[in-house]
Structures are given as C-alpha cells and as structure tokens.
PDB file of N, CA and C in Angstrom:
ATOM      1  N   MET A   1       5.510  12.640  88.745  1.00  0.00           N
ATOM      2  CA  MET A   1       5.425  13.047  87.367  1.00  0.00           C
ATOM      3  C   MET A   1       4.258  14.008  87.212  1.00  0.00           C
ATOM      4  N   LEU A   2       4.480  15.133  86.593  1.00  0.00           N
ATOM      5  CA  LEU A   2       3.422  16.092  86.323  1.00  0.00           C
ATOM      6  C   LEU A   2       3.042  16.017  84.851  1.00  0.00           C
ATOM      7  N   ILE A   3       1.774  16.095  84.571  1.00  0.00           N
ATOM      8  CA  ILE A   3       1.284  16.064  83.202  1.00  0.00           C
ATOM      9  C   ILE A   3       0.747  17.449  82.882  1.00  0.00           C
ATOM     10  N   TYR A   4       1.207  18.024  81.797  1.00  0.00           N
ATOM     11  CA  TYR A   4       0.779  19.351  81.407  1.00  0.00           C
ATOM     12  C   TYR A   4      -0.242  19.254  80.287  1.00  0.00           C
ATOM     13  N   PRO A   5      -1.357  19.981  80.387  1.00  0.00           N
ATOM     14  CA  PRO A   5      -2.434  19.848  79.409  1.00  0.00           C
ATOM     15  C   PRO A   5      -2.038  20.240  77.993  1.00  0.00           C
ATOM     16  N   ASP A   6      -1.032  21.086  77.830  1.00  0.00           N
ATOM     17  CA  ASP A   6      -0.637  21.514  76.479  1.00  0.00           C
ATOM     18  C   ASP A   6       0.522  20.693  75.918  1.00  0.00           C
ATOM     19  N   ALA A   7       0.914  19.640  76.614  1.00  0.00           N
ATOM     20  CA  ALA A   7       2.021  18.799  76.148  1.00  0.00           C
ATOM     21  C   ALA A   7       1.595  17.987  74.934  1.00  0.00           C
ATOM     22  N   GLU A   8       2.503  17.815  74.011  1.00  0.00           N
ATOM     23  CA  GLU A   8       2.242  17.008  72.817  1.00  0.00           C
ATOM     24  C   GLU A   8       2.455  15.537  73.139  1.00  0.00           C
ATOM     25  N   PRO A   9       1.599  14.644  72.619  1.00  0.00           N
ATOM     26  CA  PRO A   9       1.810  13.208  72.845  1.00  0.00           C
ATOM     27  C   PRO A   9       3.028  12.720  72.071  1.00  0.00           C
ATOM     28  N   ALA A  10       3.523  11.558  72.446  1.00  0.00           N
ATOM     29  CA  ALA A  10       4.671  10.980  71.776  1.00  0.00           C
ATOM     30  C   ALA A  10       4.352  10.740  70.306  1.00  0.00           C
ATOM     31  N   ALA A  11       5.387  10.750  69.477  1.00  0.00           N
ATOM     32  CA  ALA A  11       5.216  10.515  68.050  1.00  0.00           C
ATOM     33  C   ALA A  11       4.537   9.172  67.819  1.00  0.00           C
ATOM     34  N   GLY A  12       3.619   9.139  66.883  1.00  0.00           N
ATOM     35  CA  GLY A  12       2.924   7.907  66.560  1.00  0.00           C
ATOM     36  C   GLY A  12       1.638   7.704  67.333  1.00  0.00           C
ATOM     37  N   PHE A  13       1.329   8.615  68.245  1.00  0.00           N
ATOM     38  CA  PHE A  13       0.122   8.517  69.052  1.00  0.00           C
ATOM     39  C   PHE A  13      -0.644   9.824  68.995  1.00  0.00           C
ATOM     40  N   LYS A  14      -1.931   9.736  69.249  1.00  0.00           N
ATOM     41  CA  LYS A  14      -2.724  10.948  69.431  1.00  0.00           C
ATOM     42  C   LYS A  14      -3.665  10.725  70.614  1.00  0.00           C
ATOM     43  N   ILE A  15      -3.989  11.802  71.282  1.00  0.00           N
ATOM     44  CA  ILE A  15      -4.918  11.752  72.407  1.00  0.00           C
ATOM     45  C   ILE A  15      -6.214  12.394  71.940  1.00  0.00           C
ATOM     46  N   ILE A  16      -7.299  11.648  72.066  1.00  0.00           N
ATOM     47  CA  ILE A  16      -8.590  12.171  71.627  1.00  0.00           C
ATOM     48  C   ILE A  16      -9.555  12.240  72.801  1.00  0.00           C
ATOM     49  N   ASP A  17     -10.494  13.145  72.704  1.00  0.00           N
ATOM     50  CA  ASP A  17     -11.557  13.266  73.693  1.00  0.00           C
ATOM     51  C   ASP A  17     -12.727  12.415  73.230  1.00  0.00           C
ATOM     52  N   LEU A  18     -13.123  11.450  74.044  1.00  0.00           N
ATOM     53  CA  LEU A  18     -14.316  10.679  73.730  1.00  0.00           C
ATOM     54  C   LEU A  18     -15.529  11.459  74.204  1.00  0.00           C
ATOM     55  N   THR A  19     -16.585  11.408  73.428  1.00  0.00           N
ATOM     56  CA  THR A  19     -17.848  12.082  73.748  1.00  0.00           C
ATOM     57  C   THR A  19     -18.974  11.077  73.561  1.00  0.00           C
ATOM     58  N   PRO A  20     -20.176  11.414  74.020  1.00  0.00           N
ATOM     59  CA  PRO A  20     -21.295  10.509  73.767  1.00  0.00           C
ATOM     60  C   PRO A  20     -21.507  10.251  72.266  1.00  0.00           C
ATOM     61  N   ASP A  21     -21.097  11.201  71.430  1.00  0.00           N
ATOM     62  CA  ASP A  21     -21.274  11.046  69.986  1.00  0.00           C
ATOM     63  C   ASP A  21     -20.246  10.129  69.330  1.00  0.00           C
ATOM     64  N   ASN A  22     -19.038  10.016  69.909  1.00  0.00           N
ATOM     65  CA  ASN A  22     -17.997   9.224  69.230  1.00  0.00           C
ATOM     66  C   ASN A  22     -17.499   8.007  70.003  1.00  0.00           C
ATOM     67  N   ILE A  23     -17.954   7.798  71.225  1.00  0.00           N
ATOM     68  CA  ILE A  23     -17.411   6.712  72.039  1.00  0.00           C
ATOM     69  C   ILE A  23     -17.637   5.345  71.390  1.00  0.00           C
ATOM     70  N   ALA A  24     -18.763   5.151  70.726  1.00  0.00           N
ATOM     71  CA  ALA A  24     -19.039   3.856  70.092  1.00  0.00           C
ATOM     72  C   ALA A  24     -18.103   3.608  68.911  1.00  0.00           C
ATOM     73  N   ASP A  25     -17.566   4.673  68.308  1.00  0.00           N
ATOM     74  CA  ASP A  25     -16.639   4.525  67.184  1.00  0.00           C
ATOM     75  C   ASP A  25     -15.287   3.979  67.632  1.00  0.00           C
ATOM     76  N   TYR A  26     -14.889   4.309  68.866  1.00  0.00           N
ATOM     77  CA  TYR A  26     -13.572   3.905  69.363  1.00  0.00           C
ATOM     78  C   TYR A  26     -13.640   2.718  70.321  1.00  0.00           C
ATOM     79  N   GLY A  27     -14.747   2.591  71.047  1.00  0.00           N
ATOM     80  CA  GLY A  27     -14.849   1.538  72.046  1.00  0.00           C
ATOM     81  C   GLY A  27     -14.042   1.880  73.283  1.00  0.00           C
ATOM     82  N   VAL A  28     -14.130   1.018  74.289  1.00  0.00           N
ATOM     83  CA  VAL A  28     -13.379   1.191  75.529  1.00  0.00           C
ATOM     84  C   VAL A  28     -13.062  -0.168  76.126  1.00  0.00           C
ATOM     85  N   CYS A  29     -12.034  -0.200  76.929  1.00  0.00           N
ATOM     86  CA  CYS A  29     -11.663  -1.400  77.693  1.00  0.00           C
ATOM     87  C   CYS A  29     -11.465  -2.633  76.806  1.00  0.00           C
ATOM     88  N   GLY A  30     -10.987  -2.427  75.609  1.00  0.00           N
ATOM     89  CA  GLY A  30     -10.732  -3.550  74.708  1.00  0.00           C
ATOM     90  C   GLY A  30     -11.929  -3.987  73.894  1.00  0.00           C
ATOM     91  N   TYR A  31     -13.078  -3.404  74.149  1.00  0.00           N
ATOM     92  CA  TYR A  31     -14.291  -3.762  73.405  1.00  0.00           C
ATOM     93  C   TYR A  31     -14.561  -2.712  72.330  1.00  0.00           C
ATOM     94  N   LYS A  32     -14.859  -3.154  71.111  1.00  0.00           N
ATOM     95  CA  LYS A  32     -15.135  -2.209  70.029  1.00  0.00           C
ATOM     96  C   LYS A  32     -16.473  -2.448  69.344  1.00  0.00           C
ATOM     97  N   ASP A  33     -17.009  -3.643  69.453  1.00  0.00           N
ATOM     98  CA  ASP A  33     -18.237  -3.998  68.747  1.00  0.00           C
ATOM     99  C   ASP A  33     -19.434  -3.894  69.688  1.00  0.00           C
ATOM    100  N   VAL A  34     -20.234  -2.839  69.511  1.00  0.00           N
ATOM    101  CA  VAL A  34     -21.367  -2.575  70.392  1.00  0.00           C
ATOM    102  C   VAL A  34     -22.403  -3.698  70.306  1.00  0.00           C
ATOM    103  N   LYS A  35     -22.592  -4.238  69.123  1.00  0.00           N
ATOM    104  CA  LYS A  35     -23.591  -5.300  68.943  1.00  0.00           C
ATOM    105  C   LYS A  35     -23.175  -6.592  69.627  1.00  0.00           C
ATOM    106  N   LYS A  36     -21.887  -6.828  69.718  1.00  0.00           N
ATOM    107  CA  LYS A  36     -21.357  -8.087  70.243  1.00  0.00           C
ATOM    108  C   LYS A  36     -21.142  -8.076  71.758  1.00  0.00           C
ATOM    109  N   HIS A  37     -20.841  -6.907  72.331  1.00  0.00           N
ATOM    110  CA  HIS A  37     -20.425  -6.848  73.733  1.00  0.00           C
ATOM    111  C   HIS A  37     -21.369  -6.009  74.584  1.00  0.00           C
ATOM    112  N   ILE A  38     -22.123  -6.675  75.429  1.00  0.00           N
ATOM    113  CA  ILE A  38     -23.031  -5.960  76.340  1.00  0.00           C
ATOM    114  C   ILE A  38     -22.239  -5.083  77.309  1.00  0.00           C
ATOM    115  N   GLU A  39     -21.011  -5.499  77.639  1.00  0.00           N
ATOM    116  CA  GLU A  39     -20.172  -4.708  78.550  1.00  0.00           C
ATOM    117  C   GLU A  39     -19.902  -3.327  77.956  1.00  0.00           C
ATOM    118  N   LEU A  40     -19.675  -3.277  76.656  1.00  0.00           N
ATOM    119  CA  LEU A  40     -19.426  -1.995  75.997  1.00  0.00           C
ATOM    120  C   LEU A  40     -20.693  -1.143  76.003  1.00  0.00           C
ATOM    121  N   ARG A  41     -21.826  -1.741  75.745  1.00  0.00           N
ATOM    122  CA  ARG A  41     -23.084  -0.986  75.776  1.00  0.00           C
ATOM    123  C   ARG A  41     -23.330  -0.407  77.165  1.00  0.00           C
ATOM    124  N   ARG A  42     -23.033  -1.182  78.203  1.00  0.00           N
ATOM    125  CA  ARG A  42     -23.210  -0.687  79.575  1.00  0.00           C
ATOM    126  C   ARG A  42     -22.246   0.465  79.873  1.00  0.00           C
ATOM    127  N   LYS A  43     -21.018   0.339  79.419  1.00  0.00           N
ATOM    128  CA  LYS A  43     -20.018   1.395  79.639  1.00  0.00           C
ATOM    129  C   LYS A  43     -20.449   2.669  78.921  1.00  0.00           C
ATOM    130  N   ILE A  44     -20.936   2.540  77.696  1.00  0.00           N
ATOM    131  CA  ILE A  44     -21.396   3.711  76.943  1.00  0.00           C
ATOM    132  C   ILE A  44     -22.595   4.350  77.630  1.00  0.00           C
ATOM    133  N   ASP A  45     -23.532   3.542  78.101  1.00  0.00           N
ATOM    134  CA  ASP A  45     -24.698   4.085  78.820  1.00  0.00           C
ATOM    135  C   ASP A  45     -24.261   4.847  80.068  1.00  0.00           C
ATOM    136  N   TRP A  46     -23.325   4.252  80.818  1.00  0.00           N
ATOM    137  CA  TRP A  46     -22.805   4.898  82.032  1.00  0.00           C
ATOM    138  C   TRP A  46     -22.120   6.218  81.679  1.00  0.00           C
ATOM    139  N   PHE A  47     -21.299   6.194  80.636  1.00  0.00           N
ATOM    140  CA  PHE A  47     -20.588   7.398  80.215  1.00  0.00           C
ATOM    141  C   PHE A  47     -21.577   8.497  79.818  1.00  0.00           C
ATOM    142  N   CYS A  48     -22.577   8.146  79.041  1.00  0.00           N
ATOM    143  CA  CYS A  48     -23.571   9.142  78.611  1.00  0.00           C
ATOM    144  C   CYS A  48     -24.360   9.700  79.800  1.00  0.00           C
ATOM    145  N   GLN A  49     -24.632   8.869  80.790  1.00  0.00           N
ATOM    146  CA  GLN A  49     -25.366   9.305  81.981  1.00  0.00           C
ATOM    147  C   GLN A  49     -24.557  10.322  82.785  1.00  0.00           C
ATOM    148  N   TYR A  50     -23.259  10.112  82.908  1.00  0.00           N
ATOM    149  CA  TYR A  50     -22.431  10.990  83.747  1.00  0.00           C
ATOM    150  C   TYR A  50     -21.702  12.086  82.978  1.00  0.00           C
ATOM    151  N   TYR A  51     -21.745  12.061  81.651  1.00  0.00           N
ATOM    152  CA  TYR A  51     -21.084  13.094  80.848  1.00  0.00           C
ATOM    153  C   TYR A  51     -21.566  14.503  81.218  1.00  0.00           C
ATOM    154  N   PRO A  52     -22.879  14.715  81.406  1.00  0.00           N
ATOM    155  CA  PRO A  52     -23.340  16.056  81.794  1.00  0.00           C
ATOM    156  C   PRO A  52     -22.787  16.533  83.141  1.00  0.00           C
ATOM    157  N   PHE A  53     -22.325  15.614  83.974  1.00  0.00           N
ATOM    158  CA  PHE A  53     -21.773  15.968  85.278  1.00  0.00           C
ATOM    159  C   PHE A  53     -20.260  16.167  85.233  1.00  0.00           C
ATOM    160  N   GLY A  54     -19.665  16.100  84.046  1.00  0.00           N
ATOM    161  CA  GLY A  54     -18.238  16.359  83.909  1.00  0.00           C
ATOM    162  C   GLY A  54     -17.375  15.139  83.680  1.00  0.00           C
ATOM    163  N   LEU A  55     -17.981  13.951  83.561  1.00  0.00           N
ATOM    164  CA  LEU A  55     -17.182  12.758  83.258  1.00  0.00           C
ATOM    165  C   LEU A  55     -16.553  12.918  81.889  1.00  0.00           C
ATOM    166  N   ARG A  56     -15.267  12.695  81.812  1.00  0.00           N
ATOM    167  CA  ARG A  56     -14.545  12.782  80.547  1.00  0.00           C
ATOM    168  C   ARG A  56     -13.652  11.565  80.400  1.00  0.00           C
ATOM    169  N   ILE A  57     -13.457  11.162  79.143  1.00  0.00           N
ATOM    170  CA  ILE A  57     -12.527  10.075  78.828  1.00  0.00           C
ATOM    171  C   ILE A  57     -11.606  10.568  77.732  1.00  0.00           C
ATOM    172  N   LYS A  58     -10.325  10.435  77.967  1.00  0.00           N
ATOM    173  CA  LYS A  58      -9.312  10.712  76.952  1.00  0.00           C
ATOM    174  C   LYS A  58      -8.726   9.363  76.556  1.00  0.00           C
ATOM    175  N   ALA A  59      -8.601   9.132  75.258  1.00  0.00           N
ATOM    176  CA  ALA A  59      -8.088   7.860  74.757  1.00  0.00           C
ATOM    177  C   ALA A  59      -6.789   8.094  73.995  1.00  0.00           C
ATOM    178  N   VAL A  60      -5.860   7.160  74.145  1.00  0.00           N
ATOM    179  CA  VAL A  60      -4.598   7.202  73.412  1.00  0.00           C
ATOM    180  C   VAL A  60      -4.742   6.239  72.237  1.00  0.00           C
ATOM    181  N   ILE A  61      -4.593   6.782  71.022  1.00  0.00           N
ATOM    182  CA  ILE A  61      -4.774   6.024  69.796  1.00  0.00           C
ATOM    183  C   ILE A  61      -3.498   6.131  68.958  1.00  0.00           C
ATOM    184  N   THR A  62      -3.076   5.013  68.361  1.00  0.00           N
ATOM    185  CA  THR A  62      -1.912   5.061  67.473  1.00  0.00           C
ATOM    186  C   THR A  62      -2.328   5.657  66.134  1.00  0.00           C
ATOM    187  N   GLU A  63      -1.332   6.020  65.326  1.00  0.00           N
ATOM    188  CA  GLU A  63      -1.622   6.565  63.999  1.00  0.00           C
ATOM    189  C   GLU A  63      -2.375   5.560  63.133  1.00  0.00           C
ATOM    190  N   THR A  64      -2.211   4.278  63.430  1.00  0.00           N
ATOM    191  CA  THR A  64      -2.909   3.240  62.660  1.00  0.00           C
ATOM    192  C   THR A  64      -4.286   2.930  63.242  1.00  0.00           C
ATOM    193  N   GLY A  65      -4.720   3.669  64.267  1.00  0.00           N
ATOM    194  CA  GLY A  65      -6.052   3.510  64.822  1.00  0.00           C
ATOM    195  C   GLY A  65      -6.177   2.502  65.945  1.00  0.00           C
ATOM    196  N   GLU A  66      -5.060   1.987  66.444  1.00  0.00           N
ATOM    197  CA  GLU A  66      -5.118   1.014  67.539  1.00  0.00           C
ATOM    198  C   GLU A  66      -5.275   1.734  68.871  1.00  0.00           C
ATOM    199  N   TYR A  67      -6.167   1.202  69.696  1.00  0.00           N
ATOM    200  CA  TYR A  67      -6.470   1.769  71.005  1.00  0.00           C
ATOM    201  C   TYR A  67      -5.378   1.333  71.984  1.00  0.00           C
ATOM    202  N   GLN A  68      -4.747   2.282  72.670  1.00  0.00           N
ATOM    203  CA  GLN A  68      -3.637   1.960  73.566  1.00  0.00           C
ATOM    204  C   GLN A  68      -3.923   2.190  75.040  1.00  0.00           C
ATOM    205  N   GLY A  69      -4.923   2.968  75.354  1.00  0.00           N
ATOM    206  CA  GLY A  69      -5.231   3.230  76.756  1.00  0.00           C
ATOM    207  C   GLY A  69      -6.188   4.392  76.885  1.00  0.00           C
ATOM    208  N   MET A  70      -6.605   4.644  78.126  1.00  0.00           N
ATOM    209  CA  MET A  70      -7.537   5.736  78.357  1.00  0.00           C
ATOM    210  C   MET A  70      -7.415   6.270  79.768  1.00  0.00           C
ATOM    211  N   LEU A  71      -7.949   7.461  79.955  1.00  0.00           N
ATOM    212  CA  LEU A  71      -7.988   8.099  81.258  1.00  0.00           C
ATOM    213  C   LEU A  71      -9.405   8.625  81.452  1.00  0.00           C
ATOM    214  N   GLU A  72     -10.026   8.228  82.548  1.00  0.00           N
ATOM    215  CA  GLU A  72     -11.357   8.717  82.902  1.00  0.00           C
ATOM    216  C   GLU A  72     -11.226   9.660  84.088  1.00  0.00           C
ATOM    217  N   TYR A  73     -11.980  10.750  84.055  1.00  0.00           N
ATOM    218  CA  TYR A  73     -11.989  11.631  85.219  1.00  0.00           C
ATOM    219  C   TYR A  73     -13.324  12.363  85.308  1.00  0.00           C
ATOM    220  N   ILE A  74     -13.666  12.755  86.546  1.00  0.00           N
ATOM    221  CA  ILE A  74     -14.927  13.443  86.830  1.00  0.00           C
ATOM    222  C   ILE A  74     -14.695  14.341  88.054  1.00  0.00           C
ATOM    223  N   PRO A  75     -15.416  15.459  88.155  1.00  0.00           N
ATOM    224  CA  PRO A  75     -15.286  16.286  89.355  1.00  0.00           C
ATOM    225  C   PRO A  75     -15.560  15.463  90.626  1.00  0.00           C
ATOM    226  N   GLY A  76     -14.833  15.756  91.672  1.00  0.00           N
ATOM    227  CA  GLY A  76     -14.879  14.983  92.909  1.00  0.00           C
ATOM    228  C   GLY A  76     -16.253  14.824  93.522  1.00  0.00           C
ATOM    229  N   GLU A  77     -17.107  15.846  93.390  1.00  0.00           N
ATOM    230  CA  GLU A  77     -18.426  15.735  94.013  1.00  0.00           C
ATOM    231  C   GLU A  77     -19.305  14.677  93.359  1.00  0.00           C
ATOM    232  N   TYR A  78     -18.930  14.213  92.168  1.00  0.00           N
ATOM    233  CA  TYR A  78     -19.691  13.160  91.490  1.00  0.00           C
ATOM    234  C   TYR A  78     -18.945  11.828  91.445  1.00  0.00           C
ATOM    235  N   ALA A  79     -17.740  11.804  91.963  1.00  0.00           N
ATOM    236  CA  ALA A  79     -16.922  10.586  91.901  1.00  0.00           C
ATOM    237  C   ALA A  79     -17.491   9.500  92.806  1.00  0.00           C
ATOM    238  N   HIS A  80     -17.376   8.265  92.342  1.00  0.00           N
ATOM    239  CA  HIS A  80     -17.830   7.128  93.157  1.00  0.00           C
ATOM    240  C   HIS A  80     -16.888   6.899  94.337  1.00  0.00           C
ATOM    241  N   ARG A  81     -15.596   7.128  94.121  1.00  0.00           N
ATOM    242  CA  ARG A  81     -14.581   6.983  95.161  1.00  0.00           C
ATOM    243  C   ARG A  81     -13.621   8.169  95.080  1.00  0.00           C
ATOM    244  N   PRO A  82     -14.038   9.334  95.580  1.00  0.00           N
ATOM    245  CA  PRO A  82     -13.171  10.515  95.466  1.00  0.00           C
ATOM    246  C   PRO A  82     -11.907  10.391  96.309  1.00  0.00           C
ATOM    247  N   ILE A  83     -10.883  11.105  95.859  1.00  0.00           N
ATOM    248  CA  ILE A  83      -9.613  11.126  96.580  1.00  0.00           C
ATOM    249  C   ILE A  83      -9.637  12.283  97.566  1.00  0.00           C
ATOM    250  N   SER A  84      -9.256  12.021  98.780  1.00  0.00           N
ATOM    251  CA  SER A  84      -9.125  13.067  99.777  1.00  0.00           C
ATOM    252  C   SER A  84      -7.737  12.937 100.379  1.00  0.00           C
ATOM    253  N   ASN A  85      -6.829  13.755  99.875  1.00  0.00           N
ATOM    254  CA  ASN A  85      -5.439  13.644 100.279  1.00  0.00           C
ATOM    255  C   ASN A  85      -4.769  14.998 100.075  1.00  0.00           C
ATOM    256  N   LYS A  86      -4.227  15.588 101.111  1.00  0.00           N
ATOM    257  CA  LYS A  86      -3.615  16.922 101.025  1.00  0.00           C
ATOM    258  C   LYS A  86      -2.473  16.951 100.017  1.00  0.00           C
ATOM    259  N   ARG A  87      -1.651  15.905  99.956  1.00  0.00           N
ATOM    260  CA  ARG A  87      -0.533  15.878  99.009  1.00  0.00           C
ATOM    261  C   ARG A  87      -1.060  15.921  97.567  1.00  0.00           C
ATOM    262  N   PHE A  88      -2.096  15.149  97.291  1.00  0.00           N
ATOM    263  CA  PHE A  88      -2.690  15.142  95.956  1.00  0.00           C
ATOM    264  C   PHE A  88      -3.275  16.514  95.618  1.00  0.00           C
ATOM    265  N   GLU A  89      -3.971  17.139  96.577  1.00  0.00           N
ATOM    266  CA  GLU A  89      -4.554  18.456  96.341  1.00  0.00           C
ATOM    267  C   GLU A  89      -3.477  19.483  96.008  1.00  0.00           C
ATOM    268  N   ASN A  90      -2.327  19.410  96.662  1.00  0.00           N
ATOM    269  CA  ASN A  90      -1.241  20.341  96.379  1.00  0.00           C
ATOM    270  C   ASN A  90      -0.673  20.125  94.982  1.00  0.00           C
ATOM    271  N   ILE A  91      -0.579  18.879  94.535  1.00  0.00           N
ATOM    272  CA  ILE A  91      -0.100  18.598  93.179  1.00  0.00           C
ATOM    273  C   ILE A  91      -1.076  19.184  92.160  1.00  0.00           C
ATOM    274  N   VAL A  92      -2.360  18.981  92.357  1.00  0.00           N
ATOM    275  CA  VAL A  92      -3.364  19.495  91.426  1.00  0.00           C
ATOM    276  C   VAL A  92      -3.298  21.017  91.367  1.00  0.00           C
ATOM    277  N   LYS A  93      -3.191  21.676  92.516  1.00  0.00           N
ATOM    278  CA  LYS A  93      -3.094  23.138  92.535  1.00  0.00           C
ATOM    279  C   LYS A  93      -1.850  23.602  91.798  1.00  0.00           C
ATOM    280  N   SER A  94      -0.742  22.903  91.957  1.00  0.00           N
ATOM    281  CA  SER A  94       0.499  23.257  91.288  1.00  0.00           C
ATOM    282  C   SER A  94       0.342  23.161  89.764  1.00  0.00           C
ATOM    283  N   VAL A  95      -0.279  22.105  89.300  1.00  0.00           N
ATOM    284  CA  VAL A  95      -0.482  21.919  87.861  1.00  0.00           C
ATOM    285  C   VAL A  95      -1.409  22.991  87.312  1.00  0.00           C
ATOM    286  N   ARG A  96      -2.462  23.328  88.042  1.00  0.00           N
ATOM    287  CA  ARG A  96      -3.417  24.339  87.582  1.00  0.00           C
ATOM    288  C   ARG A  96      -2.746  25.709  87.468  1.00  0.00           C
ATOM    289  N   ARG A  97      -1.836  26.032  88.378  1.00  0.00           N
ATOM    290  CA  ARG A  97      -1.148  27.328  88.313  1.00  0.00           C
ATOM    291  C   ARG A  97      -0.278  27.428  87.073  1.00  0.00           C
ATOM    292  N   LYS A  98       0.311  26.303  86.658  1.00  0.00           N
ATOM    293  CA  LYS A  98       1.199  26.310  85.492  1.00  0.00           C
ATOM    294  C   LYS A  98       0.434  26.301  84.183  1.00  0.00           C
ATOM    295  N   ALA A  99      -0.844  25.917  84.224  1.00  0.00           N
ATOM    296  CA  ALA A  99      -1.634  25.804  82.983  1.00  0.00           C
ATOM    297  C   ALA A  99      -2.069  27.172  82.481  1.00  0.00           C
TER     298      ALA A  99
END
C-alpha cells in the first residue's frame, strides 16, 4: 500500500500535525491529562527534545475530537532503530517521485 501526502483522509476524520505547542492539547497513546499521567509528560518531553531533529507526529482525529491513532517518524540518522532494507528504500524513492 502506498500513501500519498496529498491524499484526503476518510470522511469523518482529519489528520493533524502535532507540534511542541499543541501536543498537550491532544495527548498521545491514550493519555490526555498531563497532570494525571507521568507517561504523557515523558512522551511530550521526548517529543520536544527530538522535534528539532525532525521528529514528527501525525494524529488521526474524528470530527467529534476523538483520538484514533498516530504516526511518528524521524530522519534515519536520528532514529533509535533505523530501517535498512533495499526494498523499503525503493518504495520510499517511488513515493517521493510521485509527490
């Protein structure tokens, strides 16, 4: 399956970019209350630390504001467990050419 960056999300959902400024408003991993969940505070701290290096989080939100999922990505040179696979590299190059 190829994902195109200009594709529209399914009806009833929106994809948003989380930033250090708005991540606490949406929460992550099922946690929304920063005061209540130390796990969320740690995730936000980690995100803010790596955001300058290209870490990004895209979140899928319903029209009613319910959190449905997320995608995290960062450039390979900063990844904790980078992927090294020729087949994967060819897929990425193919998607970039179409963008």
